Amino acid sequence: MQRAGTDKMENEKKRYTIEDIARELGISKTTVSRAISGKGRISKETTERVMQFIAQHDYRPNVMAKGLAQSRTYNLGFVLPEEYGAAEFPFFRECMNGICQVACAANYDVVISMTEGLDISQLRRMIANRKVDGMILSRTMTESATQKFLREKGVPFVVIGPSENPEVVNVDNDNEGASRELTGIMLMKGMRRLALIGGSRRHLVTESRRRGFAQAHREQGIYTDEALNFMDVDNYLKAMHAVNKSLEYGADGIVCMDDFITGLVLGCLREKGIRIPEEIRIASLYDSAQLEYNTPSVTSLRFDTKELGRRACRTLLEMLGETVAEEENPLSYQVILRESTKA
């Protein structure tokens, strides 16, 4: 009886799963899958450890699971707008740094794709050739052709920024709340005629920041003059028009939606010989080194853009079924008060 029981136990050896192997060897499930499939970058030493374990424990992968593992590319796509300007490069660079940091820890690589308005040919080719497992979109737009295409194809994706569609997974800074707080500080400093100068209304973040600006005025019972709101400013001529009208309508402060627009406005004011902050005060709803080292330095909002990228990548990996152990830091912002808003 003793021997019969032993034989039965030996015949019913534990059936190991990829998760079991990963736990036993202290590595990720992704690494185990890559070692089995022979795809993806993984060290020779780690591959040998996995294969040795499999041989010792007579592991036979589930056919469906193995097929899934072999169909994975272990690449994530990061979509950039082709028309982004030099002033936006720091934002995209920091996002990319955060994305690559998390992707690398999970043994994924990041592939860049560019889109230009409705032209998403690069993205179409990438998906048709099965180059990526999922996508991260770096900008949210109204009527997004990119989002529509990815949803039609059933490709998992995460957008960085606000979303009009509740079914779309997104990660975003609190641009509305931050705009409300900075605008509120300027109003508490005694400014009553604030101009707002922003970029493209097709960018959803523009609307988020505009709402925060309006909310700050409502909370303090101060009237907002729509004649002092200027959108779709994307060059020096448009910025000069906005500055001229702001001064004509008696603005005592200007809130710029990002550092690029702030740079344009500063140049216009210098050309006109307007002193900051003596004659008008300036603030930006997005910080950069350009504004920190400007003379005078400019009051701005500072966001943790790298953490925004990390959060987007972790979210996408979880959508792909990966277990991401890295702890999340809260997405926060700081109001940096500088010389441009001093009384």
Protein backbone atom coordinates (compact mmCIF):
# COMPACT_ATOMS: atom_id res chain seq x y z
CA MET A 1 0.00 0.00 0.00
CA GLN A 2 2.83 2.34 0.87
CA ARG A 3 4.52 1.86 -2.49
CA ALA A 4 1.24 2.22 -4.41
CA GLY A 5 0.57 5.54 -2.70
CA THR A 6 4.08 6.75 -3.49
CA ASP A 7 3.70 5.77 -7.16
CA LYS A 8 0.40 7.66 -7.34
CA MET A 9 2.02 10.79 -5.88
CA GLU A 10 4.92 10.57 -8.33
CA ASN A 11 2.52 10.19 -11.25
CA GLU A 12 0.58 13.24 -10.11
CA LYS A 13 3.47 15.64 -10.04
CA LYS A 14 2.64 19.30 -9.62
CA ARG A 15 1.79 20.95 -12.90
CA TYR A 16 3.76 24.16 -12.94
CA THR A 17 2.41 27.34 -14.51
CA ILE A 18 4.40 30.29 -15.82
CA GLU A 19 3.44 32.12 -12.62
CA ASP A 20 4.85 29.27 -10.50
CA ILE A 21 8.14 29.29 -12.41
CA ALA A 22 8.43 33.06 -12.09
CA ARG A 23 7.84 32.87 -8.34
CA GLU A 24 10.31 30.00 -7.84
CA LEU A 25 13.07 31.76 -9.82
CA GLY A 26 12.32 35.28 -8.55
CA ILE A 27 11.72 36.76 -12.01
CA SER A 28 8.71 38.17 -13.87
CA LYS A 29 6.15 36.15 -15.86
CA THR A 30 7.17 38.20 -18.90
CA THR A 31 10.78 37.00 -18.55
CA VAL A 32 9.65 33.37 -18.28
CA SER A 33 7.45 33.76 -21.39
CA ARG A 34 10.32 35.28 -23.33
CA ALA A 35 12.66 32.47 -22.35
CA ILE A 36 10.11 29.87 -23.50
CA SER A 37 9.21 31.61 -26.76
CA GLY A 38 12.76 32.64 -27.61
CA LYS A 39 11.56 36.17 -28.41
CA GLY A 40 12.57 39.41 -26.80
CA ARG A 41 15.80 40.54 -25.19
CA ILE A 42 16.77 38.36 -22.25
CA SER A 43 20.17 37.31 -20.94
CA LYS A 44 21.61 33.91 -21.79
CA GLU A 45 22.06 33.14 -18.10
CA THR A 46 18.38 33.81 -17.31
CA THR A 47 17.23 31.75 -20.30
CA GLU A 48 19.36 28.83 -19.14
CA ARG A 49 17.92 29.08 -15.60
CA VAL A 50 14.37 28.95 -16.93
CA MET A 51 15.05 26.07 -19.33
CA GLN A 52 16.87 24.11 -16.62
CA PHE A 53 13.93 24.53 -14.26
CA ILE A 54 11.52 23.40 -16.98
CA ALA A 55 13.61 20.30 -17.70
CA GLN A 56 13.86 19.37 -14.01
CA HIS A 57 10.13 19.76 -13.38
CA ASP A 58 8.88 18.39 -16.72
CA TYR A 59 6.96 21.61 -17.41
CA ARG A 60 4.58 21.48 -20.38
CA PRO A 61 3.14 24.89 -21.23
CA ASN A 62 -0.56 25.25 -21.84
CA VAL A 63 -1.04 25.40 -25.61
CA MET A 64 -3.20 28.53 -25.49
CA ALA A 65 -0.89 30.28 -23.04
CA LYS A 66 2.14 29.41 -25.13
CA GLY A 67 0.45 30.70 -28.27
CA LEU A 68 -0.33 33.97 -26.50
CA ALA A 69 3.23 34.27 -25.27
CA GLN A 70 4.62 33.74 -28.74
CA SER A 71 2.25 36.27 -30.30
CA ARG A 72 3.44 39.00 -27.97
CA THR A 73 5.93 41.48 -29.36
CA TYR A 74 6.94 42.93 -25.96
CA ASN A 75 6.91 46.33 -27.62
CA LEU A 76 4.80 49.33 -26.59
CA GLY A 77 4.05 52.15 -29.01
CA PHE A 78 4.37 55.83 -28.03
CA VAL A 79 2.53 58.17 -30.40
CA LEU A 80 3.88 61.70 -30.87
CA PRO A 81 2.29 64.51 -32.88
CA GLU A 82 4.52 65.33 -35.84
CA GLU A 83 3.76 69.05 -35.53
CA TYR A 84 4.99 69.47 -31.95
CA GLY A 85 7.32 72.43 -31.52
CA ALA A 86 10.70 72.77 -29.84
CA ALA A 87 9.03 74.28 -26.77
CA GLU A 88 7.00 71.08 -26.26
CA PHE A 89 10.03 68.79 -26.49
CA PRO A 90 10.80 68.84 -22.72
CA PHE A 91 7.26 67.62 -21.95
CA PHE A 92 7.42 64.72 -24.42
CA ARG A 93 10.99 63.87 -23.38
CA GLU A 94 10.04 63.62 -19.69
CA CYS A 95 6.96 61.55 -20.52
CA MET A 96 9.09 59.23 -22.63
CA ASN A 97 11.67 58.88 -19.86
CA GLY A 98 8.96 57.74 -17.45
CA ILE A 99 7.43 55.36 -19.99
CA CYS A 100 10.79 53.79 -20.87
CA GLN A 101 11.71 53.37 -17.20
CA VAL A 102 8.61 51.30 -16.44
CA ALA A 103 8.67 49.45 -19.77
CA CYS A 104 12.30 48.43 -19.30
CA ALA A 105 11.61 47.09 -15.80
CA ALA A 106 8.88 44.88 -17.30
CA ASN A 107 11.17 43.72 -20.17
CA TYR A 108 9.30 45.72 -22.81
CA ASP A 109 10.73 48.08 -25.41
CA VAL A 110 9.19 51.34 -26.65
CA VAL A 111 8.62 52.11 -30.35
CA ILE A 112 7.89 55.67 -31.54
CA SER A 113 5.16 56.50 -34.05
CA MET A 114 4.38 59.95 -35.47
CA THR A 115 0.96 61.26 -36.50
CA GLU A 116 0.07 64.49 -38.31
CA GLY A 117 -3.54 65.55 -37.98
CA LEU A 118 -5.67 62.97 -39.78
CA ASP A 119 -2.60 61.28 -41.29
CA ILE A 120 -2.03 58.19 -39.15
CA SER A 121 -0.30 56.11 -41.84
CA GLN A 122 2.71 55.29 -39.60
CA LEU A 123 0.37 54.03 -36.91
CA ARG A 124 -1.68 51.99 -39.38
CA ARG A 125 1.47 50.30 -40.68
CA MET A 126 2.70 49.56 -37.15
CA ILE A 127 -0.58 47.89 -36.20
CA ALA A 128 -0.91 46.03 -39.53
CA ASN A 129 2.58 44.56 -39.07
CA ARG A 130 1.86 43.64 -35.43
CA LYS A 131 4.82 45.63 -34.17
CA VAL A 132 3.32 46.51 -30.74
CA ASP A 133 1.08 45.04 -28.04
CA GLY A 134 -0.45 48.37 -27.02
CA MET A 135 -0.14 52.14 -27.49
CA ILE A 136 0.32 55.27 -25.39
CA LEU A 137 -0.97 58.49 -26.97
CA SER A 138 0.89 61.62 -25.87
CA ARG A 139 -1.84 64.16 -26.69
CA THR A 140 -5.64 64.15 -26.55
CA MET A 141 -7.54 65.92 -29.31
CA THR A 142 -11.15 66.54 -30.19
CA GLU A 143 -12.38 64.07 -32.84
CA SER A 144 -9.20 61.99 -32.58
CA ALA A 145 -8.57 59.84 -35.67
CA THR A 146 -5.92 57.92 -33.73
CA GLN A 147 -8.27 56.88 -30.93
CA LYS A 148 -11.01 55.94 -33.39
CA PHE A 149 -8.63 53.71 -35.37
CA LEU A 150 -7.23 51.94 -32.30
CA ARG A 151 -10.70 51.26 -30.93
CA GLU A 152 -11.82 49.83 -34.27
CA LYS A 153 -8.78 47.52 -34.33
CA GLY A 154 -9.21 46.47 -30.69
CA VAL A 155 -5.69 47.62 -29.76
CA PRO A 156 -5.24 48.40 -26.04
CA PHE A 157 -4.24 52.03 -25.53
CA VAL A 158 -3.90 54.73 -22.89
CA VAL A 159 -4.05 58.46 -23.54
CA ILE A 160 -2.07 61.08 -21.65
CA GLY A 161 -4.39 63.99 -20.99
CA PRO A 162 -8.14 64.53 -20.54
CA SER A 163 -10.64 62.44 -22.47
CA GLU A 164 -14.10 63.23 -23.82
CA ASN A 165 -14.98 59.53 -23.99
CA PRO A 166 -15.55 57.74 -20.64
CA GLU A 167 -14.69 54.43 -22.32
CA VAL A 168 -11.15 55.61 -23.12
CA VAL A 169 -8.52 54.91 -20.47
CA ASN A 170 -6.56 58.06 -19.67
CA VAL A 171 -4.09 59.46 -17.16
CA ASP A 172 -3.80 63.18 -16.60
CA ASN A 173 -2.47 65.89 -14.34
CA ASP A 174 -5.05 68.01 -12.55
CA ASN A 175 -4.74 70.81 -15.08
CA GLU A 176 -8.14 72.27 -14.20
CA GLY A 177 -7.45 72.34 -10.46
CA ALA A 178 -3.94 73.71 -10.94
CA SER A 179 -5.20 76.45 -13.26
CA ARG A 180 -7.87 77.35 -10.73
CA GLU A 181 -5.32 77.61 -7.91
CA LEU A 182 -2.78 79.74 -9.77
CA THR A 183 -5.47 82.04 -11.16
CA GLY A 184 -6.94 82.35 -7.67
CA ILE A 185 -3.57 83.42 -6.27
CA MET A 186 -3.28 86.16 -8.87
CA LEU A 187 -6.79 87.40 -8.03
CA MET A 188 -5.95 87.42 -4.33
CA LYS A 189 -2.91 89.54 -5.16
CA GLY A 190 -5.34 92.22 -6.33
CA MET A 191 -5.49 91.66 -10.07
CA ARG A 192 -9.01 92.11 -11.45
CA ARG A 193 -8.56 92.20 -15.24
CA LEU A 194 -6.78 88.98 -16.14
CA ALA A 195 -6.25 88.07 -19.79
CA LEU A 196 -6.05 84.39 -20.74
CA ILE A 197 -3.93 83.43 -23.76
CA GLY A 198 -4.06 79.80 -24.92
CA GLY A 199 -3.19 77.46 -27.75
CA SER A 200 -5.26 75.22 -29.99
CA ARG A 201 -8.83 74.59 -28.91
CA ARG A 202 -8.50 71.11 -30.47
CA HIS A 203 -6.23 70.15 -27.58
CA LEU A 204 -8.45 68.99 -24.73
CA VAL A 205 -5.99 70.29 -22.12
CA THR A 206 -6.76 73.81 -23.38
CA GLU A 207 -10.37 73.45 -22.27
CA SER A 208 -9.30 71.98 -18.89
CA ARG A 209 -7.12 74.99 -18.17
CA ARG A 210 -9.79 77.43 -19.38
CA ARG A 211 -12.34 75.89 -17.00
CA GLY A 212 -9.95 76.28 -14.07
CA PHE A 213 -9.35 79.93 -14.96
CA ALA A 214 -13.12 80.61 -15.06
CA GLN A 215 -13.78 78.67 -11.85
CA ALA A 216 -11.25 80.75 -9.89
CA HIS A 217 -13.09 83.91 -10.93
CA ARG A 218 -16.47 82.48 -9.93
CA GLU A 219 -15.18 81.39 -6.52
CA GLN A 220 -14.03 84.94 -5.78
CA GLY A 221 -17.07 86.62 -7.32
CA ILE A 222 -15.06 88.38 -10.01
CA TYR A 223 -16.41 88.97 -13.51
CA THR A 224 -14.49 87.42 -16.41
CA ASP A 225 -14.42 89.48 -19.59
CA GLU A 226 -14.62 87.15 -22.60
CA ALA A 227 -12.94 89.89 -24.65
CA LEU A 228 -9.77 89.10 -22.66
CA ASN A 229 -9.75 85.41 -23.69
CA PHE A 230 -7.52 84.62 -26.69
CA MET A 231 -7.27 81.05 -28.02
CA ASP A 232 -5.51 79.36 -30.96
CA VAL A 233 -2.38 81.48 -30.45
CA ASP A 234 0.47 79.58 -32.11
CA ASN A 235 2.83 82.24 -33.50
CA TYR A 236 4.32 85.65 -32.74
CA LEU A 237 1.81 87.65 -34.80
CA LYS A 238 -1.16 86.12 -33.01
CA ALA A 239 0.55 86.61 -29.67
CA MET A 240 1.20 90.29 -30.45
CA HIS A 241 -2.47 90.74 -31.36
CA ALA A 242 -3.52 89.17 -28.05
CA VAL A 243 -1.07 91.33 -26.08
CA ASN A 244 -2.17 94.53 -27.84
CA LYS A 245 -5.84 93.79 -27.17
CA SER A 246 -5.11 92.83 -23.55
CA LEU A 247 -3.40 96.17 -22.93
CA GLU A 248 -6.11 98.05 -24.82
CA TYR A 249 -8.82 96.45 -22.65
CA GLY A 250 -6.98 97.30 -19.45
CA ALA A 251 -5.57 93.93 -18.40
CA ASP A 252 -3.46 94.06 -15.23
CA GLY A 253 -2.22 90.48 -15.62
CA ILE A 254 -1.84 87.79 -18.26
CA VAL A 255 -2.23 84.05 -17.66
CA CYS A 256 -0.55 82.01 -20.43
CA MET A 257 -1.57 78.39 -20.90
CA ASP A 258 1.93 77.01 -21.40
CA ASP A 259 5.62 77.97 -21.52
CA PHE A 260 5.66 78.32 -25.33
CA ILE A 261 2.91 80.94 -25.31
CA THR A 262 4.54 82.62 -22.31
CA GLY A 263 7.76 82.97 -24.30
CA LEU A 264 5.87 84.61 -27.17
CA VAL A 265 4.08 87.01 -24.79
CA LEU A 266 7.31 87.95 -23.04
CA GLY A 267 8.88 88.77 -26.40
CA CYS A 268 5.90 90.95 -27.37
CA LEU A 269 6.01 92.86 -24.08
CA ARG A 270 9.76 93.42 -24.41
CA GLU A 271 9.26 94.75 -27.94
CA LYS A 272 6.64 97.18 -26.64
CA GLY A 273 8.82 98.25 -23.71
CA ILE A 274 6.29 97.03 -21.10
CA ARG A 275 7.94 96.28 -17.76
CA ILE A 276 7.17 93.10 -15.81
CA PRO A 277 5.86 93.07 -13.08
CA GLU A 278 5.72 96.87 -12.68
CA GLU A 279 3.22 97.49 -15.51
CA ILE A 280 1.69 94.04 -15.96
CA ARG A 281 2.12 90.69 -14.25
CA ILE A 282 2.56 87.35 -16.02
CA ALA A 283 2.06 83.68 -15.07
CA SER A 284 2.26 80.39 -16.96
CA LEU A 285 0.14 77.28 -16.47
CA TYR A 286 3.16 75.12 -17.35
CA ASP A 287 6.72 75.55 -16.09
CA SER A 288 10.06 75.10 -17.86
CA ALA A 289 13.71 76.05 -17.40
CA GLN A 290 13.14 78.83 -19.94
CA LEU A 291 10.74 80.53 -17.52
CA GLU A 292 12.77 79.81 -14.39
CA TYR A 293 15.84 81.55 -15.80
CA ASN A 294 14.02 84.33 -17.63
CA THR A 295 14.55 87.92 -16.44
CA PRO A 296 12.32 88.37 -14.58
CA SER A 297 11.62 84.74 -13.65
CA VAL A 298 8.03 83.72 -14.34
CA THR A 299 5.47 82.36 -11.86
CA SER A 300 4.44 78.92 -13.15
CA LEU A 301 2.85 75.55 -12.44
CA ARG A 302 5.27 72.65 -12.13
CA PHE A 303 4.01 69.12 -12.85
CA ASP A 304 5.77 65.78 -12.43
CA THR A 305 5.70 64.89 -16.12
CA LYS A 306 8.00 61.89 -15.71
CA GLU A 307 5.58 60.34 -13.23
CA LEU A 308 2.78 61.00 -15.72
CA GLY A 309 4.65 58.84 -18.25
CA ARG A 310 5.30 56.15 -15.64
CA ARG A 311 1.63 56.09 -14.69
CA ALA A 312 0.56 55.77 -18.34
CA CYS A 313 2.95 52.86 -18.93
CA ARG A 314 1.94 51.02 -15.76
CA THR A 315 -1.72 51.39 -16.73
CA LEU A 316 -1.11 49.97 -20.21
CA LEU A 317 0.93 47.04 -18.89
CA GLU A 318 -1.87 46.17 -16.47
CA MET A 319 -4.32 46.25 -19.40
CA LEU A 320 -2.03 43.74 -21.12
CA GLY A 321 -2.23 41.42 -18.12
CA GLU A 322 1.16 42.22 -16.62
CA THR A 323 1.69 42.51 -12.87
CA VAL A 324 3.44 45.80 -12.19
CA ALA A 325 4.99 45.86 -8.74
CA GLU A 326 6.38 49.40 -8.82
CA GLU A 327 4.61 51.77 -6.41
CA GLU A 328 2.88 54.81 -7.83
CA ASN A 329 3.63 58.34 -6.70
CA PRO A 330 0.65 60.70 -6.61
CA LEU A 331 0.26 62.96 -9.64
CA SER A 332 0.73 66.39 -8.12
CA TYR A 333 1.75 69.93 -9.00
CA GLN A 334 3.42 72.94 -7.40
CA VAL A 335 2.69 76.62 -7.78
CA ILE A 336 6.10 78.27 -8.17
CA LEU A 337 5.80 81.98 -7.29
CA ARG A 338 8.50 84.06 -8.94
CA GLU A 339 9.31 87.67 -9.81
CA SER A 340 6.76 88.12 -12.61
CA THR A 341 3.79 88.34 -10.20
CA LYS A 342 5.36 90.36 -7.38
CA ALA A 343 3.34 93.38 -6.25
